Amino acid sequence: NDQDFSATFQLRFGEKEDYASDAFLLDNVHVYERPAHELAVVDLEVPASSALLGATEQIVVQYVNQGVSTETSVPLTVWIDGPSGRQEVSETAAISLATGDTLTYTFSADMDFSEAGNYEVTVFSELSGDLVQSNDTLRGYLIKPSIYNGGLPYLADFDLLADTVYAQNQGELIGLPGWSYENSSEYGRLSIGQFSQNETQAMSMYRSESNTTSNFAVLTMDMSTYDASTDKLLLDFRFSYRYSGVYAHNRVFIRGSETDDWIEFYDWHENRGGNNEWVDVNTLPLTDSLVAHDQNFSSTFQVRFGERDTYNSRYFYLDDVKVRERPAHDLAAVDLEIPASSPLLGVAEQIAVQYVNQGVSTETSVPLTVWIDGPSGRQEVSETAATSLATGDTLTYTFSADMDFSEVGNYEVTVFSELTGDLIQSNDTLRSMTRKISSYTDGLPYLVD
């Protein structure tokens, strides 16, 4: 601009706004000579967070020469503070770095991120004569998510864990191999403890203050021995919530490996119960979803439970997470129809039951038993349903025997299956109550005194 310094050199900071609420703020105005030596760090590249991080990772840093001198020897140090303490590496970059030039330097030493957990990476220069130290250092953060490799069936019920609150991203949750935690702001929280309407320990995600925040609890599993083309794997869990908003994050997601796209697997917001009501989710087909999205199991198969909201009064609760193989034989009772309470119940009533085949095998013979515990003791009837019940099919069976509800009183009806090879007995049985109502039949006049 063809100007020079003078006795009246000036700086002018301008501001114009239309509203009294607008403002321009200014502080720390510094006019100084370019120093002889001055390196300013401008970028730090650390490995991306990954469950596959190892012992031979690289760190890259960039510095700009803001001094007058051409630098030929730049001493650089990196600290890596991780789960096992600090790694420290110091190297010297031999270069000819003129004023305004940029140094991009990759440390030659291998950096070890092989242990699951959190890492803080600090890089700084100690250039001789560089007196402006405020711009010599940069920090980066990453996590190595833990991987569960203990085989199937897998269960996380959180019961033996100490009460814990996590306030930042975590590569591994204490006592929970395979679990990591991610959030989108400083207000995100994940905690382990005992919560409303649940007698045992559970996991919860929420906000410490009202601020729109996403929380994700991620389970990473080594499933490299499984193949989606042949192995049928399932997911079970229980969840509850206290208020929830309509966000696409309020879902369960899966993916075959950490490099695959996330698959929306289950919409917990859409399937929620009432506030603080626990919902049991069973037999979600992991394999089918992976195959439908052209993915497969791997050493970093992941399940992600997501929660997002704005208000600190809103919580998502999780318990009893199970990953298991679909068993050869598993019948699950889903419905029981018995006579409605009535004074007209008689000796020829009917009972119907529904079962879903959750096993791999096609069932052709299903043994069923009904107990009717009433005023005169127990009636027991056992019958066998001849059927061809493939995986996922529903059997609706009406007992052929007449059931006697003719005596006035209360009745408890229990139906169960004893299918050979069905080792999951918790879903084999259903119970229901009815009653034969007493009826006065002796005519009038009628008196109760």
Protein backbone atom coordinates (compact mmCIF):
# COMPACT_ATOMS: atom_id res chain seq x y z
CA ASN A 1 0.00 0.00 0.00
CA ASP A 2 3.06 2.25 -0.40
CA GLN A 3 3.05 3.49 3.23
CA ASP A 4 5.59 3.57 6.05
CA PHE A 5 5.63 3.94 9.81
CA SER A 6 5.58 7.49 11.18
CA ALA A 7 5.11 9.54 14.33
CA THR A 8 1.34 9.09 13.93
CA PHE A 9 0.99 5.45 12.91
CA GLN A 10 -2.56 4.31 13.73
CA LEU A 11 -4.70 1.21 14.21
CA ARG A 12 -8.47 1.55 13.97
CA PHE A 13 -10.90 -1.14 15.19
CA GLY A 14 -14.31 -0.56 13.64
CA GLU A 15 -17.80 -1.55 14.76
CA LYS A 16 -21.30 -0.69 13.61
CA GLU A 17 -24.53 -2.39 14.64
CA ASP A 18 -28.23 -1.63 14.67
CA TYR A 19 -29.17 -2.93 18.11
CA ALA A 20 -28.04 -2.06 21.62
CA SER A 21 -27.73 -5.77 22.40
CA ASP A 22 -24.97 -6.20 19.77
CA ALA A 23 -21.37 -5.62 20.81
CA PHE A 24 -17.76 -5.92 19.64
CA LEU A 25 -15.28 -6.94 22.34
CA LEU A 26 -11.52 -6.33 22.23
CA ASP A 27 -8.69 -7.36 24.51
CA ASN A 28 -4.94 -8.09 24.63
CA VAL A 29 -3.82 -5.79 21.79
CA HIS A 30 -0.12 -6.51 21.21
CA VAL A 31 2.20 -4.70 18.77
CA TYR A 32 5.68 -6.19 18.61
CA GLU A 33 8.69 -6.89 16.42
CA ARG A 34 8.90 -10.25 14.70
CA PRO A 35 11.25 -12.22 16.96
CA ALA A 36 14.40 -13.89 15.75
CA HIS A 37 13.01 -17.33 16.59
CA GLU A 38 9.33 -18.12 16.75
CA LEU A 39 7.64 -21.41 15.84
CA ALA A 40 3.84 -21.62 16.06
CA VAL A 41 2.11 -25.00 16.07
CA VAL A 42 -0.90 -25.05 13.73
CA ASP A 43 -2.00 -28.68 13.44
CA LEU A 44 -1.72 -32.02 15.21
CA GLU A 45 -2.82 -35.29 13.62
CA VAL A 46 -3.43 -38.17 16.01
CA PRO A 47 -4.91 -41.57 15.13
CA ALA A 48 -8.69 -41.69 14.93
CA SER A 49 -10.40 -43.43 17.82
CA SER A 50 -10.63 -47.11 16.98
CA ALA A 51 -10.86 -50.49 18.67
CA LEU A 52 -8.07 -51.65 16.34
CA LEU A 53 -5.41 -49.16 17.43
CA GLY A 54 -2.07 -50.86 18.00
CA ALA A 55 1.51 -50.35 19.08
CA THR A 56 2.82 -48.84 15.81
CA GLU A 57 0.70 -45.73 15.30
CA GLN A 58 1.99 -42.39 13.98
CA ILE A 59 1.77 -38.77 15.15
CA VAL A 60 2.08 -35.83 12.72
CA VAL A 61 2.50 -32.17 13.68
CA GLN A 62 2.70 -28.89 11.73
CA TYR A 63 4.61 -25.75 12.71
CA VAL A 64 4.87 -22.38 10.96
CA ASN A 65 8.05 -20.32 11.25
CA GLN A 66 6.93 -16.89 12.44
CA GLY A 67 10.44 -15.73 13.31
CA VAL A 68 13.05 -13.84 11.28
CA SER A 69 15.62 -16.63 11.27
CA THR A 70 15.65 -19.61 8.95
CA GLU A 71 15.42 -22.63 11.24
CA THR A 72 17.50 -25.71 10.45
CA SER A 73 17.01 -27.82 13.57
CA VAL A 74 13.63 -28.06 15.32
CA PRO A 75 13.44 -30.09 18.57
CA LEU A 76 10.02 -31.71 19.05
CA THR A 77 8.57 -33.75 21.90
CA VAL A 78 5.37 -35.79 22.16
CA TRP A 79 3.74 -37.00 25.38
CA ILE A 80 1.12 -39.73 25.21
CA ASP A 81 -0.77 -40.01 28.50
CA GLY A 82 -2.81 -43.20 28.48
CA PRO A 83 -4.13 -46.02 30.68
CA SER A 84 -0.63 -47.19 31.65
CA GLY A 85 0.97 -43.79 32.17
CA ARG A 86 3.08 -41.56 29.93
CA GLN A 87 5.05 -42.36 26.79
CA GLU A 88 7.57 -39.63 25.88
CA VAL A 89 9.40 -39.31 22.57
CA SER A 90 11.78 -36.49 21.58
CA GLU A 91 13.09 -36.07 18.04
CA THR A 92 14.74 -33.32 15.99
CA ALA A 93 13.55 -32.24 12.56
CA ALA A 94 16.47 -31.33 10.28
CA ILE A 95 15.10 -28.79 7.79
CA SER A 96 15.57 -25.38 6.17
CA LEU A 97 12.50 -23.46 7.35
CA ALA A 98 12.36 -19.83 6.21
CA THR A 99 10.03 -17.19 7.61
CA GLY A 100 6.41 -18.13 6.80
CA ASP A 101 7.26 -21.70 5.78
CA THR A 102 5.43 -24.69 7.26
CA LEU A 103 7.08 -27.77 8.72
CA THR A 104 5.05 -31.00 8.54
CA TYR A 105 6.77 -33.59 10.69
CA THR A 106 5.90 -37.25 11.27
CA PHE A 107 7.55 -38.74 14.33
CA SER A 108 9.67 -41.70 13.30
CA ALA A 109 9.02 -43.56 16.55
CA ASP A 110 6.04 -45.93 16.75
CA MET A 111 3.40 -44.78 19.23
CA ASP A 112 1.63 -47.37 21.38
CA PHE A 113 -2.17 -47.11 21.64
CA SER A 114 -2.77 -50.83 22.05
CA GLU A 115 -4.37 -50.72 25.50
CA ALA A 116 -8.09 -49.91 25.71
CA GLY A 117 -8.83 -46.57 27.32
CA ASN A 118 -8.41 -42.81 26.95
CA TYR A 119 -5.37 -41.01 25.53
CA GLU A 120 -4.22 -37.38 25.64
CA VAL A 121 -1.50 -36.51 23.11
CA THR A 122 0.62 -33.39 23.73
CA VAL A 123 3.19 -32.12 21.21
CA PHE A 124 5.50 -29.16 21.86
CA SER A 125 8.66 -27.54 20.55
CA GLU A 126 11.55 -26.26 22.66
CA LEU A 127 13.34 -24.25 19.98
CA SER A 128 16.29 -22.37 21.41
CA GLY A 129 15.58 -18.63 21.50
CA ASP A 130 11.80 -19.02 21.01
CA LEU A 131 10.47 -16.86 23.83
CA VAL A 132 6.79 -16.99 22.81
CA GLN A 133 5.80 -20.26 24.43
CA SER A 134 2.04 -19.81 24.30
CA ASN A 135 1.84 -21.15 20.72
CA ASP A 136 4.37 -23.98 21.00
CA THR A 137 1.97 -26.71 22.20
CA LEU A 138 -1.07 -28.59 20.86
CA ARG A 139 -3.12 -31.37 22.41
CA GLY A 140 -5.31 -34.06 20.91
CA TYR A 141 -7.59 -36.67 22.42
CA LEU A 142 -8.68 -40.14 21.35
CA ILE A 143 -10.00 -43.37 22.78
CA LYS A 144 -9.35 -47.01 22.06
CA PRO A 145 -12.67 -48.78 22.69
CA SER A 146 -12.47 -52.01 24.61
CA ILE A 147 -13.29 -55.27 22.80
CA TYR A 148 -15.16 -58.13 24.46
CA ASN A 149 -13.70 -61.48 23.40
CA GLY A 150 -15.21 -63.89 25.91
CA GLY A 151 -17.51 -65.74 23.53
CA LEU A 152 -21.26 -66.34 23.61
CA PRO A 153 -23.69 -66.25 25.27
CA TYR A 154 -22.92 -62.73 26.48
CA LEU A 155 -24.73 -61.02 29.37
CA ALA A 156 -24.27 -57.57 30.90
CA ASP A 157 -26.59 -57.13 33.88
CA PHE A 158 -24.43 -54.48 35.65
CA ASP A 159 -25.31 -56.03 39.03
CA LEU A 160 -21.83 -56.43 40.52
CA LEU A 161 -20.55 -53.00 39.46
CA ALA A 162 -19.91 -50.08 41.78
CA ASP A 163 -21.98 -46.94 41.29
CA THR A 164 -20.04 -44.89 38.72
CA VAL A 165 -20.62 -41.70 36.71
CA TYR A 166 -18.78 -41.01 33.43
CA ALA A 167 -18.61 -37.40 32.26
CA GLN A 168 -16.48 -37.71 29.12
CA ASN A 169 -15.81 -40.16 26.31
CA GLN A 170 -14.49 -43.44 27.68
CA GLY A 171 -12.61 -46.19 25.89
CA GLU A 172 -13.58 -48.75 28.53
CA LEU A 173 -16.13 -48.71 31.33
CA ILE A 174 -14.86 -50.09 34.63
CA GLY A 175 -15.72 -53.76 34.98
CA LEU A 176 -17.38 -53.91 31.55
CA PRO A 177 -15.01 -55.28 28.89
CA GLY A 178 -16.25 -54.30 25.45
CA TRP A 179 -18.23 -51.23 26.55
CA SER A 180 -17.26 -47.67 25.65
CA TYR A 181 -19.06 -44.34 25.92
CA GLU A 182 -19.31 -41.34 23.60
CA ASN A 183 -21.15 -38.04 24.00
CA SER A 184 -21.54 -34.86 22.01
CA SER A 185 -21.01 -32.27 24.75
CA GLU A 186 -19.53 -31.72 28.19
CA TYR A 187 -22.99 -32.20 29.69
CA GLY A 188 -23.39 -35.82 28.60
CA ARG A 189 -23.40 -38.44 31.34
CA LEU A 190 -23.44 -42.23 31.63
CA SER A 191 -23.89 -43.80 35.03
CA ILE A 192 -24.15 -47.23 36.60
CA GLY A 193 -26.46 -47.52 39.59
CA GLN A 194 -29.92 -48.45 40.84
CA PHE A 195 -32.79 -46.55 39.26
CA SER A 196 -36.55 -46.16 39.48
CA GLN A 197 -38.68 -49.30 39.14
CA ASN A 198 -35.59 -51.53 38.86
CA GLU A 199 -34.38 -53.50 41.86
CA THR A 200 -30.91 -54.22 40.47
CA GLN A 201 -28.07 -52.20 38.96
CA ALA A 202 -28.57 -50.76 35.48
CA MET A 203 -27.03 -48.26 33.05
CA SER A 204 -28.40 -44.76 32.54
CA MET A 205 -27.65 -41.95 30.06
CA TYR A 206 -28.70 -38.33 30.59
CA ARG A 207 -27.44 -34.71 30.87
CA SER A 208 -26.00 -32.91 33.89
CA GLU A 209 -27.60 -29.65 32.71
CA SER A 210 -30.27 -28.87 30.15
CA ASN A 211 -28.39 -28.81 26.86
CA THR A 212 -29.05 -30.73 23.66
CA THR A 213 -26.67 -33.67 23.95
CA SER A 214 -26.29 -37.11 22.39
CA ASN A 215 -25.11 -40.09 24.44
CA PHE A 216 -24.02 -43.45 23.04
CA ALA A 217 -23.15 -46.63 24.93
CA VAL A 218 -21.26 -48.93 22.55
CA LEU A 219 -20.63 -52.65 22.96
CA THR A 220 -17.75 -53.87 20.76
CA MET A 221 -17.38 -57.64 20.42
CA ASP A 222 -14.90 -59.93 18.70
CA MET A 223 -17.28 -62.00 16.57
CA SER A 224 -14.71 -63.01 13.97
CA THR A 225 -15.56 -66.70 14.43
CA TYR A 226 -19.17 -66.13 13.35
CA ASP A 227 -20.51 -65.89 9.81
CA ALA A 228 -23.79 -64.15 9.05
CA SER A 229 -24.49 -66.62 6.26
CA THR A 230 -24.72 -69.54 8.69
CA ASP A 231 -24.82 -68.35 12.33
CA LYS A 232 -28.09 -67.03 13.73
CA LEU A 233 -27.38 -64.56 16.54
CA LEU A 234 -29.90 -62.68 18.67
CA LEU A 235 -30.02 -59.61 20.93
CA ASP A 236 -32.11 -59.25 24.10
CA PHE A 237 -32.26 -56.32 26.53
CA ARG A 238 -34.51 -54.38 28.88
CA PHE A 239 -34.98 -50.62 28.77
CA SER A 240 -36.89 -47.83 30.39
CA TYR A 241 -36.93 -44.05 30.18
CA ARG A 242 -38.12 -40.92 31.93
CA TYR A 243 -39.53 -38.66 29.25
CA SER A 244 -38.01 -38.69 25.77
CA GLY A 245 -38.00 -36.53 22.67
CA VAL A 246 -38.38 -37.44 19.02
CA TYR A 247 -34.77 -37.74 17.86
CA ALA A 248 -33.26 -40.12 15.33
CA HIS A 249 -30.57 -40.92 17.91
CA ASN A 250 -33.08 -42.63 20.23
CA ARG A 251 -32.50 -46.01 18.66
CA VAL A 252 -30.37 -49.13 18.88
CA PHE A 253 -27.84 -49.45 16.05
CA ILE A 254 -25.57 -52.28 14.95
CA ARG A 255 -22.79 -52.78 12.41
CA GLY A 256 -20.66 -55.72 11.38
CA SER A 257 -17.40 -53.86 11.96
CA GLU A 258 -16.32 -50.43 13.14
CA THR A 259 -15.69 -49.38 9.54
CA ASP A 260 -19.20 -50.29 8.34
CA ASP A 261 -22.16 -47.93 8.28
CA TRP A 262 -24.49 -48.00 11.28
CA ILE A 263 -27.73 -49.93 10.76
CA GLU A 264 -30.85 -48.72 12.57
CA PHE A 265 -31.84 -51.92 14.35
CA TYR A 266 -34.52 -51.07 16.92
CA ASP A 267 -36.53 -47.91 17.65
CA TRP A 268 -36.78 -47.82 21.43
CA HIS A 269 -38.58 -44.47 21.40
CA GLU A 270 -41.36 -45.86 19.22
CA ASN A 271 -41.66 -49.03 21.32
CA ARG A 272 -41.35 -47.43 24.75
CA GLY A 273 -43.81 -47.96 27.58
CA GLY A 274 -44.90 -45.38 30.10
CA ASN A 275 -42.47 -43.27 32.11
CA ASN A 276 -40.22 -45.52 34.24
CA GLU A 277 -41.90 -48.65 32.83
CA TRP A 278 -39.43 -51.37 31.87
CA VAL A 279 -39.86 -53.00 28.47
CA ASP A 280 -38.42 -56.45 27.69
CA VAL A 281 -37.02 -56.77 24.17
CA ASN A 282 -36.25 -60.33 23.12
CA THR A 283 -34.96 -62.27 20.13
CA LEU A 284 -33.97 -59.37 17.88
CA PRO A 285 -32.27 -61.03 14.86
CA LEU A 286 -28.77 -59.58 14.53
CA THR A 287 -27.82 -61.89 11.69
CA ASP A 288 -30.84 -61.06 9.54
CA SER A 289 -30.18 -57.33 9.78
CA LEU A 290 -26.51 -57.66 8.87
CA VAL A 291 -27.32 -59.83 5.86
CA ALA A 292 -30.01 -57.40 4.70
CA HIS A 293 -27.39 -54.62 4.68
CA ASP A 294 -24.60 -56.69 3.12
CA GLN A 295 -22.52 -56.80 6.29
CA ASN A 296 -20.95 -59.62 8.28
CA PHE A 297 -19.66 -60.26 11.78
CA SER A 298 -16.04 -59.29 12.45
CA SER A 299 -13.52 -58.71 15.22
CA THR A 300 -15.16 -55.30 15.87
CA PHE A 301 -18.88 -56.06 15.67
CA GLN A 302 -20.74 -53.28 17.51
CA VAL A 303 -24.08 -52.59 19.17
CA ARG A 304 -24.79 -48.92 19.95
CA PHE A 305 -27.53 -47.73 22.31
CA GLY A 306 -28.32 -44.09 21.54
CA GLU A 307 -30.02 -41.35 23.53
CA ARG A 308 -30.47 -37.66 22.71
CA ASP A 309 -32.46 -34.92 24.38
CA THR A 310 -32.27 -31.37 25.67
CA TYR A 311 -33.54 -31.47 29.24
CA ASN A 312 -31.68 -32.80 32.26
CA SER A 313 -34.90 -34.36 33.56
CA ARG A 314 -34.86 -36.97 30.77
CA TYR A 315 -33.15 -40.34 31.16
CA PHE A 316 -32.65 -43.60 29.26
CA TYR A 317 -32.14 -46.78 31.28
CA LEU A 318 -30.66 -50.08 30.06
CA ASP A 319 -30.29 -53.51 31.66
CA ASP A 320 -29.76 -57.21 30.94
CA VAL A 321 -28.08 -56.92 27.55
CA LYS A 322 -27.69 -60.37 26.01
CA VAL A 323 -26.11 -61.54 22.77
CA ARG A 324 -26.65 -65.21 22.07
CA GLU A 325 -26.95 -67.82 19.38
CA ARG A 326 -30.43 -68.82 18.30
CA PRO A 327 -30.93 -72.21 19.99
CA ALA A 328 -31.89 -75.34 18.12
CA HIS A 329 -35.19 -75.53 20.03
CA ASP A 330 -36.97 -72.63 21.71
CA LEU A 331 -40.72 -72.16 21.96
CA ALA A 332 -41.93 -68.91 23.51
CA ALA A 333 -45.47 -68.61 24.88
CA VAL A 334 -47.00 -65.33 23.71
CA ASP A 335 -50.74 -65.55 24.41
CA LEU A 336 -53.22 -67.48 26.53
CA GLU A 337 -56.98 -67.31 26.01
CA ILE A 338 -59.22 -68.58 28.81
CA PRO A 339 -62.94 -68.16 29.48
CA ALA A 340 -63.96 -64.76 30.80
CA SER A 341 -65.31 -64.61 34.34
CA SER A 342 -69.03 -65.41 34.30
CA PRO A 343 -71.81 -67.07 36.33
CA LEU A 344 -72.50 -69.22 33.25
CA LEU A 345 -69.17 -71.06 33.07
CA GLY A 346 -69.66 -74.80 32.69
CA VAL A 347 -67.97 -78.16 32.19
CA ALA A 348 -67.13 -77.78 28.50
CA GLU A 349 -65.02 -74.63 28.27
CA GLN A 350 -62.06 -74.20 25.93
CA ILE A 351 -58.51 -72.95 26.37
CA ALA A 352 -56.27 -71.71 23.54
CA VAL A 353 -52.57 -70.86 23.62
CA GLN A 354 -50.08 -69.31 21.20
CA TYR A 355 -46.38 -70.16 20.87
CA VAL A 356 -43.72 -68.68 18.59
CA ASN A 357 -40.87 -70.85 17.37
CA GLN A 358 -37.70 -68.94 18.27
CA GLY A 359 -35.40 -71.87 17.58
CA VAL A 360 -33.54 -72.91 14.47
CA SER A 361 -35.34 -76.23 14.05
CA THR A 362 -38.73 -76.73 12.43
CA GLU A 363 -40.92 -78.25 15.14
CA THR A 364 -43.37 -81.01 14.19
CA SER A 365 -44.54 -82.20 17.61
CA VAL A 366 -45.21 -79.78 20.46
CA PRO A 367 -46.18 -81.23 23.87
CA LEU A 368 -48.49 -78.89 25.81
CA THR A 369 -49.92 -79.12 29.31
CA VAL A 370 -52.62 -77.09 31.06
CA TRP A 371 -53.21 -76.94 34.80
CA ILE A 372 -56.49 -75.57 36.11
CA ASP A 373 -56.29 -74.92 39.85
CA GLY A 374 -59.80 -74.31 41.14
CA PRO A 375 -62.05 -74.77 44.17
CA SER A 376 -61.84 -78.58 44.05
CA GLY A 377 -58.14 -78.88 43.27
CA ARG A 378 -56.19 -79.29 40.05
CA GLN A 379 -57.30 -80.48 36.64
CA GLU A 380 -54.40 -81.47 34.37
CA VAL A 381 -54.58 -82.06 30.63
CA SER A 382 -51.63 -82.89 28.35
CA GLU A 383 -51.91 -82.94 24.57
CA THR A 384 -49.51 -82.86 21.62
CA ALA A 385 -49.86 -80.42 18.73
CA ALA A 386 -48.90 -81.99 15.41
CA THR A 387 -47.62 -79.14 13.26
CA SER A 388 -44.87 -77.90 10.96
CA LEU A 389 -43.58 -74.83 12.77
CA ALA A 390 -40.61 -73.10 11.12
CA THR A 391 -38.45 -70.43 12.74
CA GLY A 392 -40.57 -67.36 13.45
CA ASP A 393 -43.90 -69.14 12.85
CA THR A 394 -46.74 -68.99 15.38
CA LEU A 395 -48.69 -71.99 16.66
CA THR A 396 -52.25 -71.29 17.83
CA TYR A 397 -53.53 -74.37 19.62
CA THR A 398 -56.94 -75.02 21.19
CA PHE A 399 -56.99 -77.92 23.63
CA SER A 400 -59.41 -80.59 22.44
CA ALA A 401 -60.36 -81.59 25.98
CA ASP A 402 -63.30 -79.83 27.64
CA MET A 403 -62.26 -77.81 30.69
CA ASP A 404 -64.48 -77.78 33.79
CA PHE A 405 -65.19 -74.37 35.35
CA SER A 406 -68.64 -75.30 36.65
CA GLU A 407 -67.92 -74.92 40.36
CA VAL A 408 -68.23 -71.43 41.83
CA GLY A 409 -64.87 -69.93 42.80
CA ASN A 410 -61.51 -68.72 41.53
CA TYR A 411 -59.40 -70.47 38.90
CA GLU A 412 -55.73 -70.11 37.98
CA VAL A 413 -54.88 -71.46 34.53
CA THR A 414 -51.26 -72.40 33.72
CA VAL A 415 -50.14 -73.56 30.28
CA PHE A 416 -46.60 -74.72 29.52
CA SER A 417 -44.61 -76.59 26.92
CA GLU A 418 -42.02 -79.26 27.61
CA LEU A 419 -40.44 -79.44 24.17
CA THR A 420 -37.44 -81.75 24.10
CA GLY A 421 -34.22 -79.75 23.76
CA ASP A 422 -35.80 -76.42 24.74
CA LEU A 423 -33.37 -75.20 27.39
CA ILE A 424 -34.86 -71.72 27.78
CA GLN A 425 -37.62 -72.44 30.26
CA SER A 426 -38.29 -68.84 31.27
CA ASN A 427 -40.57 -68.25 28.25
CA ASP A 428 -42.37 -71.62 28.18
CA THR A 429 -45.19 -70.78 30.59
CA LEU A 430 -48.17 -68.42 30.77
CA ARG A 431 -50.70 -67.96 33.57
CA SER A 432 -54.07 -66.26 33.81
CA MET A 433 -56.97 -65.99 36.25
CA THR A 434 -60.74 -66.31 35.88
CA ARG A 435 -63.70 -67.08 38.15
CA LYS A 436 -67.09 -68.71 38.13
CA ILE A 437 -69.36 -66.14 39.72
CA SER A 438 -71.90 -67.38 42.24
CA SER A 439 -75.52 -67.03 41.16
CA TYR A 440 -78.58 -67.00 43.49
CA THR A 441 -81.33 -69.29 42.10
CA ASP A 442 -83.87 -69.82 44.94
CA GLY A 443 -86.44 -67.27 43.86
CA LEU A 444 -88.13 -64.42 45.72
CA PRO A 445 -88.46 -62.97 48.23
CA TYR A 446 -84.71 -62.54 48.71
CA LEU A 447 -83.15 -61.18 51.87
CA VAL A 448 -79.58 -60.57 52.96
CA ASP A 449 -79.44 -59.20 56.49
